[in-house]
Amino acid sequence: MRKLLAATVTPLASIFGSGFLVIVPILSGAVGSYALPAMAIVCVVAYGVGAVIRYNIANAEPQLEKGTAPEITRRLEQASDLALVGAYIISVCLYINILASFLLGGIDERYDTPLNNHLISVAFIVAIGAIGYFKGLAALAKLEKLALGVTLLIIVALFVGFGLCDLRALSSGITWPDAPQHSWWEIVTIVGGTLIVVQGFETSRYLEDLYDAPTRIASCRLSQVISTVVYLIFIALATPLMHFLGDTVKDNDLILLAGKASMLLPLPVVIAAVLSQFSAAVADTFGGAGNAEEATHGHVDLKHATVLICGGAIILCFTPTLTILALASRAFAFYYCLQCLVATSVSKSLPQRAFFVAMAVVLALITLFAEPAG
């Protein structure tokens, strides 16, 4: 059990990397009072993708390691590794942009300007790149457990704060948020653009140096079960407060909602945001650099791959955060789509292949059409 819990830290920390910070305003702006069923659908899709990843750990991975995998499987796996590097570049940028937005919003809303956001984002990304190049990121990786612990504590505090606020509202009548005026297609594409908030379970696939396949499969499943329960409770408790957000969607609106629940909550939320986003950015830089080194067969070493990822993230960080979020969802959906094709190429079961193809189609649609909120 101890080994399983240790193996679950990485995927769970990745899933909570940015999701709990931005999902409430996004769903509020997309579907209003229907946020809970929308979140449930996203979690169901993610669990289906997780099933594909778990299948590949058990079935595709041994063939790839032994060199017995079909040629098409090897090529699809190589393509997915490269796609994951691109997704990591975008996610590093996303995490640091969210960090900057929460940091500035927590200090004073007047300082939360695009220019200040960009300057802080660049400074943090440069720092990560420099540490990675000159010292290596292994030391910073220790932040992962600390950040996850702090994040879970803040989530519990938000549960309590939002829950008490909801109970107070019951006496006077709950004000439900209005349903935004979106077409069904706009709702589907915006909700599809939130896939990144439940992303991270796939990191279990890449912990083969630390854990055996059954442990990694179990850690992937457990991280998804825990995160699904947390997200559904979180959205259920936050929905009655969404009417405070109005029609606009801001990435750091959780600070506002936390303040409405209790004057004690905004500061812990900002601290959790800074810790979790920095930790997630370090983890994805480290993971992306390792993938780049492996995908290029060592032609790009770890140090230069770190610089490459941080350089790409700096270029992207001048894009609005919600746009980056939708772009990250597209990038990970493309990676997951390729993983579905990997699973299809090694499966001998017709029902399994039908499921993998169906998931690939859903992910292809998200890759092509996901849109930012707001």
Protein backbone atom coordinates (compact mmCIF):
# COMPACT_ATOMS: atom_id res chain seq x y z
CA MET A 1 0.00 0.00 0.00
CA ARG A 2 2.84 2.40 0.84
CA LYS A 3 4.39 1.85 -2.57
CA LEU A 4 1.04 2.47 -4.28
CA LEU A 5 0.49 5.71 -2.37
CA ALA A 6 4.01 6.88 -3.26
CA ALA A 7 3.39 6.05 -6.92
CA THR A 8 0.08 7.94 -6.83
CA VAL A 9 1.68 11.22 -5.73
CA THR A 10 3.06 12.09 -9.17
CA PRO A 11 -0.11 11.60 -11.25
CA LEU A 12 -2.31 13.14 -8.55
CA ALA A 13 -0.07 16.19 -8.20
CA SER A 14 -0.14 16.60 -11.96
CA ILE A 15 -3.94 16.35 -12.14
CA PHE A 16 -4.35 18.97 -9.42
CA GLY A 17 -1.59 21.05 -10.98
CA SER A 18 -3.93 23.75 -12.26
CA GLY A 19 -7.36 22.18 -12.44
CA PHE A 20 -8.88 23.15 -9.12
CA LEU A 21 -7.67 26.75 -9.57
CA VAL A 22 -9.36 27.49 -12.90
CA ILE A 23 -12.17 25.00 -13.42
CA VAL A 24 -14.85 26.89 -11.46
CA PRO A 25 -14.78 30.16 -13.48
CA ILE A 26 -14.47 28.25 -16.75
CA LEU A 27 -17.51 26.05 -16.10
CA SER A 28 -19.40 29.04 -14.73
CA GLY A 29 -18.80 30.92 -17.97
CA ALA A 30 -19.59 27.90 -20.13
CA VAL A 31 -22.60 26.19 -18.54
CA GLY A 32 -23.55 28.08 -15.35
CA SER A 33 -25.69 25.98 -13.03
CA TYR A 34 -25.01 22.87 -15.14
CA ALA A 35 -21.36 22.86 -14.04
CA LEU A 36 -21.63 19.61 -12.06
CA PRO A 37 -22.89 17.39 -14.93
CA ALA A 38 -20.36 19.06 -17.25
CA MET A 39 -17.55 18.22 -14.80
CA ALA A 40 -18.85 14.65 -14.54
CA ILE A 41 -18.70 14.26 -18.34
CA VAL A 42 -15.12 15.56 -18.45
CA CYS A 43 -14.13 13.10 -15.71
CA VAL A 44 -15.81 10.19 -17.52
CA VAL A 45 -13.94 11.02 -20.74
CA ALA A 46 -10.70 11.30 -18.78
CA TYR A 47 -11.30 7.95 -17.09
CA GLY A 48 -11.83 6.38 -20.50
CA VAL A 49 -8.50 7.82 -21.65
CA GLY A 50 -6.93 6.53 -18.44
CA ALA A 51 -8.19 3.06 -19.33
CA VAL A 52 -6.29 3.35 -22.63
CA ILE A 53 -3.10 4.39 -20.84
CA ARG A 54 -3.46 1.50 -18.39
CA TYR A 55 -3.99 -0.93 -21.27
CA ASN A 56 -0.83 0.34 -22.95
CA ILE A 57 1.20 -0.10 -19.75
CA ALA A 58 0.10 -3.73 -19.55
CA ASN A 59 0.13 -4.62 -23.26
CA ALA A 60 1.96 -2.19 -25.55
CA GLU A 61 4.84 -1.34 -23.24
CA PRO A 62 6.22 -4.93 -22.89
CA GLN A 63 6.19 -5.38 -26.68
CA LEU A 64 7.93 -2.05 -27.22
CA GLU A 65 10.61 -2.90 -24.64
CA LYS A 66 11.22 -6.37 -26.11
CA GLY A 67 11.28 -5.06 -29.68
CA THR A 68 8.40 -7.34 -30.71
CA ALA A 69 5.85 -4.56 -31.29
CA PRO A 70 4.54 -4.06 -34.84
CA GLU A 71 6.22 -1.33 -36.86
CA ILE A 72 3.09 0.83 -36.79
CA THR A 73 3.01 0.59 -32.99
CA ARG A 74 6.61 1.75 -32.70
CA ARG A 75 6.02 4.69 -35.03
CA LEU A 76 2.84 5.73 -33.23
CA GLU A 77 4.63 5.53 -29.88
CA GLN A 78 7.49 7.69 -31.18
CA ALA A 79 5.01 10.21 -32.54
CA SER A 80 3.15 10.30 -29.23
CA ASP A 81 6.43 10.90 -27.36
CA LEU A 82 7.13 13.94 -29.54
CA ALA A 83 3.53 15.12 -29.15
CA LEU A 84 3.92 14.86 -25.38
CA VAL A 85 7.02 17.07 -25.48
CA GLY A 86 4.97 19.73 -27.27
CA ALA A 87 2.15 19.34 -24.75
CA TYR A 88 4.61 19.74 -21.88
CA ILE A 89 5.92 23.01 -23.37
CA ILE A 90 2.38 24.41 -23.42
CA SER A 91 1.55 23.12 -19.95
CA VAL A 92 4.70 24.66 -18.42
CA CYS A 93 3.61 27.99 -19.87
CA LEU A 94 0.07 27.46 -18.57
CA TYR A 95 1.18 26.64 -15.02
CA ILE A 96 3.46 29.66 -14.76
CA ASN A 97 0.86 32.01 -16.25
CA ILE A 98 -1.66 30.84 -13.65
CA LEU A 99 0.98 31.28 -10.93
CA ALA A 100 1.61 34.86 -12.05
CA SER A 101 -2.10 35.68 -12.24
CA PHE A 102 -2.84 34.36 -8.74
CA LEU A 103 0.26 35.99 -7.28
CA LEU A 104 -0.63 39.41 -8.71
CA GLY A 105 -4.33 39.03 -7.92
CA GLY A 106 -3.46 38.06 -4.36
CA ILE A 107 -1.23 41.11 -3.88
CA ASP A 108 -3.59 43.65 -5.43
CA GLU A 109 -6.03 43.39 -8.32
CA ARG A 110 -4.59 46.60 -9.77
CA TYR A 111 -1.27 44.84 -10.39
CA ASP A 112 -2.92 42.00 -12.33
CA THR A 113 -2.20 43.45 -15.77
CA PRO A 114 -1.12 41.54 -18.91
CA LEU A 115 2.32 43.21 -18.87
CA ASN A 116 3.02 42.35 -15.24
CA ASN A 117 1.72 38.84 -15.82
CA HIS A 118 4.07 38.35 -18.76
CA LEU A 119 7.09 39.75 -16.91
CA ILE A 120 6.59 37.46 -13.90
CA SER A 121 5.93 34.46 -16.15
CA VAL A 122 9.14 35.05 -18.10
CA ALA A 123 11.13 35.48 -14.88
CA PHE A 124 9.89 32.18 -13.41
CA ILE A 125 10.41 30.24 -16.64
CA VAL A 126 13.92 31.65 -17.06
CA ALA A 127 14.69 30.63 -13.47
CA ILE A 128 13.47 27.07 -14.08
CA GLY A 129 15.48 26.87 -17.31
CA ALA A 130 18.64 28.20 -15.67
CA ILE A 131 18.39 25.86 -12.69
CA GLY A 132 17.71 22.94 -15.02
CA TYR A 133 20.66 23.76 -17.25
CA PHE A 134 23.27 24.51 -14.58
CA LYS A 135 22.13 22.45 -11.59
CA GLY A 136 19.50 20.00 -12.80
CA LEU A 137 15.85 19.92 -11.72
CA ALA A 138 16.08 16.84 -9.48
CA ALA A 139 16.42 18.95 -6.33
CA LEU A 140 13.34 21.01 -7.19
CA ALA A 141 11.37 17.82 -7.83
CA LYS A 142 11.16 17.42 -4.04
CA LEU A 143 8.61 20.24 -4.10
CA GLU A 144 6.09 17.84 -5.61
CA LYS A 145 5.05 16.16 -2.35
CA LEU A 146 5.03 19.47 -0.47
CA ALA A 147 2.93 21.15 -3.14
CA LEU A 148 0.45 18.26 -3.25
CA GLY A 149 0.11 18.25 0.54
CA VAL A 150 -0.51 22.02 0.65
CA THR A 151 -2.93 21.80 -2.29
CA LEU A 152 -4.99 19.06 -0.65
CA LEU A 153 -5.13 21.05 2.60
CA ILE A 154 -6.36 24.13 0.75
CA ILE A 155 -8.93 22.07 -1.13
CA VAL A 156 -10.25 20.79 2.21
CA ALA A 157 -10.35 24.38 3.50
CA LEU A 158 -12.29 25.43 0.40
CA PHE A 159 -14.67 22.52 0.91
CA VAL A 160 -15.37 23.71 4.44
CA GLY A 161 -15.60 27.38 3.47
CA PHE A 162 -17.85 26.82 0.46
CA GLY A 163 -19.95 24.28 2.38
CA LEU A 164 -20.60 26.67 5.26
CA CYS A 165 -21.40 29.46 2.80
CA ASP A 166 -23.89 27.17 1.03
CA LEU A 167 -25.55 26.29 4.34
CA ARG A 168 -25.94 29.98 5.17
CA ALA A 169 -27.44 30.60 1.74
CA LEU A 170 -30.03 27.85 2.28
CA SER A 171 -31.81 29.94 4.89
CA SER A 172 -32.32 32.87 2.53
CA GLY A 173 -32.49 30.88 -0.70
CA ILE A 174 -29.62 29.88 -2.99
CA THR A 175 -28.99 32.12 -6.00
CA TRP A 176 -28.05 29.83 -8.87
CA PRO A 177 -25.85 31.17 -11.67
CA ASP A 178 -27.54 31.97 -14.96
CA ALA A 179 -26.99 29.67 -17.92
CA PRO A 180 -24.77 31.58 -20.38
CA GLN A 181 -26.12 32.20 -23.87
CA HIS A 182 -24.03 29.68 -25.76
CA SER A 183 -24.99 27.31 -28.54
CA TRP A 184 -24.63 23.59 -27.85
CA TRP A 185 -21.55 23.54 -30.10
CA GLU A 186 -19.91 26.39 -28.17
CA ILE A 187 -20.60 24.57 -24.90
CA VAL A 188 -19.11 21.31 -26.23
CA THR A 189 -15.97 23.03 -27.54
CA ILE A 190 -15.43 25.08 -24.36
CA VAL A 191 -15.98 22.10 -22.05
CA GLY A 192 -13.73 20.04 -24.35
CA GLY A 193 -11.08 22.70 -23.80
CA THR A 194 -11.00 21.85 -20.09
CA LEU A 195 -9.44 18.41 -20.65
CA ILE A 196 -6.14 19.75 -19.31
CA VAL A 197 -7.65 20.08 -15.80
CA VAL A 198 -7.94 16.28 -15.48
CA GLN A 199 -4.67 15.57 -17.29
CA GLY A 200 -1.74 14.01 -15.42
CA PHE A 201 -2.71 10.38 -14.92
CA GLU A 202 -0.53 9.44 -17.91
CA THR A 203 2.60 10.23 -15.86
CA SER A 204 2.18 6.76 -14.32
CA ARG A 205 3.22 5.39 -17.70
CA TYR A 206 6.65 7.00 -17.37
CA LEU A 207 7.58 5.85 -13.87
CA GLU A 208 8.86 2.46 -15.03
CA ASP A 209 12.28 3.06 -13.44
CA LEU A 210 10.63 3.35 -10.01
CA TYR A 211 7.60 1.04 -10.04
CA ASP A 212 6.47 -2.15 -11.71
CA ALA A 213 3.57 -2.24 -14.18
CA PRO A 214 0.82 -3.37 -11.74
CA THR A 215 1.74 -0.56 -9.32
CA ARG A 216 1.74 2.04 -12.08
CA ILE A 217 -1.61 0.82 -13.41
CA ALA A 218 -3.10 0.97 -9.92
CA SER A 219 -1.62 4.44 -9.30
CA CYS A 220 -3.12 5.73 -12.52
CA ARG A 221 -6.56 4.39 -11.59
CA LEU A 222 -6.38 5.56 -7.97
CA SER A 223 -5.32 9.08 -8.94
CA GLN A 224 -8.28 9.34 -11.29
CA VAL A 225 -10.77 8.04 -8.72
CA ILE A 226 -9.51 10.47 -6.04
CA SER A 227 -9.43 13.45 -8.39
CA THR A 228 -12.88 12.68 -9.79
CA VAL A 229 -14.42 12.58 -6.29
CA VAL A 230 -12.63 15.80 -5.30
CA TYR A 231 -13.62 17.65 -8.49
CA LEU A 232 -17.28 16.65 -8.25
CA ILE A 233 -17.56 17.68 -4.60
CA PHE A 234 -15.65 20.90 -5.33
CA ILE A 235 -17.91 21.91 -8.22
CA ALA A 236 -21.06 20.94 -6.30
CA LEU A 237 -20.04 23.20 -3.40
CA ALA A 238 -18.84 26.05 -5.64
CA THR A 239 -21.87 26.21 -7.96
CA PRO A 240 -24.10 28.17 -5.53
CA LEU A 241 -21.38 30.87 -5.37
CA MET A 242 -20.87 31.17 -9.13
CA HIS A 243 -23.39 34.00 -9.46
CA PHE A 244 -20.76 36.28 -7.88
CA LEU A 245 -18.57 35.85 -10.96
CA GLY A 246 -20.89 37.60 -13.42
CA ASP A 247 -20.47 37.25 -17.17
CA THR A 248 -16.69 37.57 -17.43
CA VAL A 249 -14.27 34.68 -17.01
CA LYS A 250 -10.93 35.36 -15.28
CA ASP A 251 -8.36 32.70 -14.54
CA ASN A 252 -7.90 33.84 -10.91
CA ASP A 253 -11.60 34.21 -10.04
CA LEU A 254 -11.20 31.53 -7.38
CA ILE A 255 -9.64 34.24 -5.17
CA LEU A 256 -12.89 36.19 -5.41
CA LEU A 257 -15.03 33.16 -4.55
CA ALA A 258 -12.74 32.21 -1.67
CA GLY A 259 -13.15 35.73 -0.27
CA LYS A 260 -16.94 35.47 -0.53
CA ALA A 261 -16.83 32.26 1.52
CA SER A 262 -14.39 33.50 4.17
CA MET A 263 -11.94 36.38 4.54
CA LEU A 264 -9.38 33.82 5.75
CA LEU A 265 -9.33 31.81 2.50
CA PRO A 266 -7.84 34.06 -0.24
CA LEU A 267 -4.26 34.06 1.13
CA PRO A 268 -4.05 30.24 1.50
CA VAL A 269 -5.47 29.90 -2.02
CA VAL A 270 -2.76 32.18 -3.42
CA ILE A 271 -0.04 30.26 -1.52
CA ALA A 272 -1.40 26.95 -2.83
CA ALA A 273 -1.52 28.37 -6.35
CA VAL A 274 2.10 29.53 -6.29
CA LEU A 275 3.41 26.26 -4.81
CA SER A 276 1.34 23.92 -6.96
CA GLN A 277 1.95 25.78 -10.22
CA PHE A 278 5.69 26.08 -9.69
CA SER A 279 5.94 22.41 -8.74
CA ALA A 280 3.83 21.34 -11.71
CA ALA A 281 5.91 23.48 -14.09
CA VAL A 282 9.14 21.93 -12.76
CA ALA A 283 7.70 18.42 -13.07
CA ASP A 284 6.54 18.98 -16.66
CA THR A 285 9.84 20.60 -17.63
CA PHE A 286 11.68 17.59 -16.18
CA GLY A 287 9.29 15.12 -17.82
CA GLY A 288 9.32 16.92 -21.15
CA ALA A 289 13.11 17.10 -21.21
CA GLY A 290 13.34 13.38 -20.48
CA ASN A 291 10.88 12.62 -23.26
CA ALA A 292 12.75 14.85 -25.69
CA GLU A 293 16.05 13.13 -24.87
CA GLU A 294 14.48 9.71 -25.36
CA ALA A 295 12.54 10.63 -28.51
CA THR A 296 15.70 12.04 -30.17
CA HIS A 297 17.74 9.01 -29.02
CA GLY A 298 20.09 11.25 -27.03
CA HIS A 299 20.78 13.76 -29.82
CA VAL A 300 19.25 16.39 -27.55
CA ASP A 301 20.55 15.92 -24.01
CA LEU A 302 18.62 16.70 -20.83
CA LYS A 303 20.21 20.13 -20.29
CA HIS A 304 19.51 21.40 -23.80
CA ALA A 305 16.05 19.82 -23.84
CA THR A 306 15.28 21.83 -20.68
CA VAL A 307 16.33 25.03 -22.43
CA LEU A 308 14.25 24.08 -25.47
CA ILE A 309 11.11 23.53 -23.38
CA CYS A 310 11.56 26.72 -21.38
CA GLY A 311 12.28 28.71 -24.55
CA GLY A 312 9.06 27.47 -26.13
CA ALA A 313 7.15 28.26 -22.94
CA ILE A 314 8.51 31.82 -22.90
CA ILE A 315 7.30 32.41 -26.46
CA LEU A 316 3.82 31.15 -25.56
CA CYS A 317 3.51 33.01 -22.26
CA PHE A 318 2.47 36.23 -24.03
CA THR A 319 -0.80 34.50 -24.95
CA PRO A 320 -3.89 34.90 -22.68
CA THR A 321 -4.05 32.18 -20.02
CA LEU A 322 -7.46 30.79 -21.02
CA THR A 323 -6.27 30.50 -24.63
CA ILE A 324 -3.19 28.60 -23.45
CA LEU A 325 -5.45 26.32 -21.41
CA ALA A 326 -7.52 25.39 -24.46
CA LEU A 327 -4.32 24.95 -26.49
CA ALA A 328 -2.90 22.66 -23.79
CA SER A 329 -6.11 20.62 -23.86
CA ARG A 330 -5.75 20.25 -27.62
CA ALA A 331 -2.10 19.20 -27.29
CA PHE A 332 -2.81 16.54 -24.66
CA ALA A 333 -5.89 15.37 -26.56
CA PHE A 334 -3.62 14.81 -29.59
CA TYR A 335 -1.17 12.82 -27.44
CA TYR A 336 -4.01 10.75 -25.98
CA CYS A 337 -5.42 10.20 -29.47
CA LEU A 338 -2.08 8.73 -30.56
CA GLN A 339 -2.05 6.54 -27.46
CA CYS A 340 -5.50 5.25 -28.46
CA LEU A 341 -4.07 4.31 -31.83
CA VAL A 342 -1.14 2.57 -30.10
CA ALA A 343 -3.64 0.52 -28.08
CA THR A 344 -5.65 -0.28 -31.23
CA SER A 345 -2.53 -1.50 -33.01
CA VAL A 346 -1.72 -4.13 -30.36
CA SER A 347 -5.23 -5.20 -29.37
CA LYS A 348 -6.67 -8.47 -30.74
CA SER A 349 -10.15 -7.93 -29.29
CA LEU A 350 -12.77 -6.36 -31.54
CA PRO A 351 -14.77 -4.75 -28.67
CA GLN A 352 -11.55 -3.30 -27.24
CA ARG A 353 -10.51 -1.91 -30.61
CA ALA A 354 -13.96 -0.38 -31.10
CA PHE A 355 -13.62 1.36 -27.72
CA PHE A 356 -10.11 2.62 -28.52
CA VAL A 357 -11.24 3.96 -31.90
CA ALA A 358 -14.26 5.68 -30.33
CA MET A 359 -12.00 7.36 -27.77
CA ALA A 360 -9.61 8.38 -30.55
CA VAL A 361 -12.48 10.07 -32.42
CA VAL A 362 -13.56 12.01 -29.31
CA LEU A 363 -9.98 13.13 -28.69
CA ALA A 364 -9.48 14.07 -32.34
CA LEU A 365 -12.54 16.32 -32.11
CA ILE A 366 -11.14 18.00 -28.98
CA THR A 367 -7.77 18.42 -30.75
CA LEU A 368 -9.43 20.16 -33.68
CA PHE A 369 -12.19 22.18 -32.06
CA ALA A 370 -11.52 22.93 -28.36
CA GLU A 371 -12.04 26.64 -27.62
CA PRO A 372 -11.08 28.88 -24.70
CA ALA A 373 -13.70 30.15 -22.26
CA GLY A 374 -14.58 33.82 -22.08
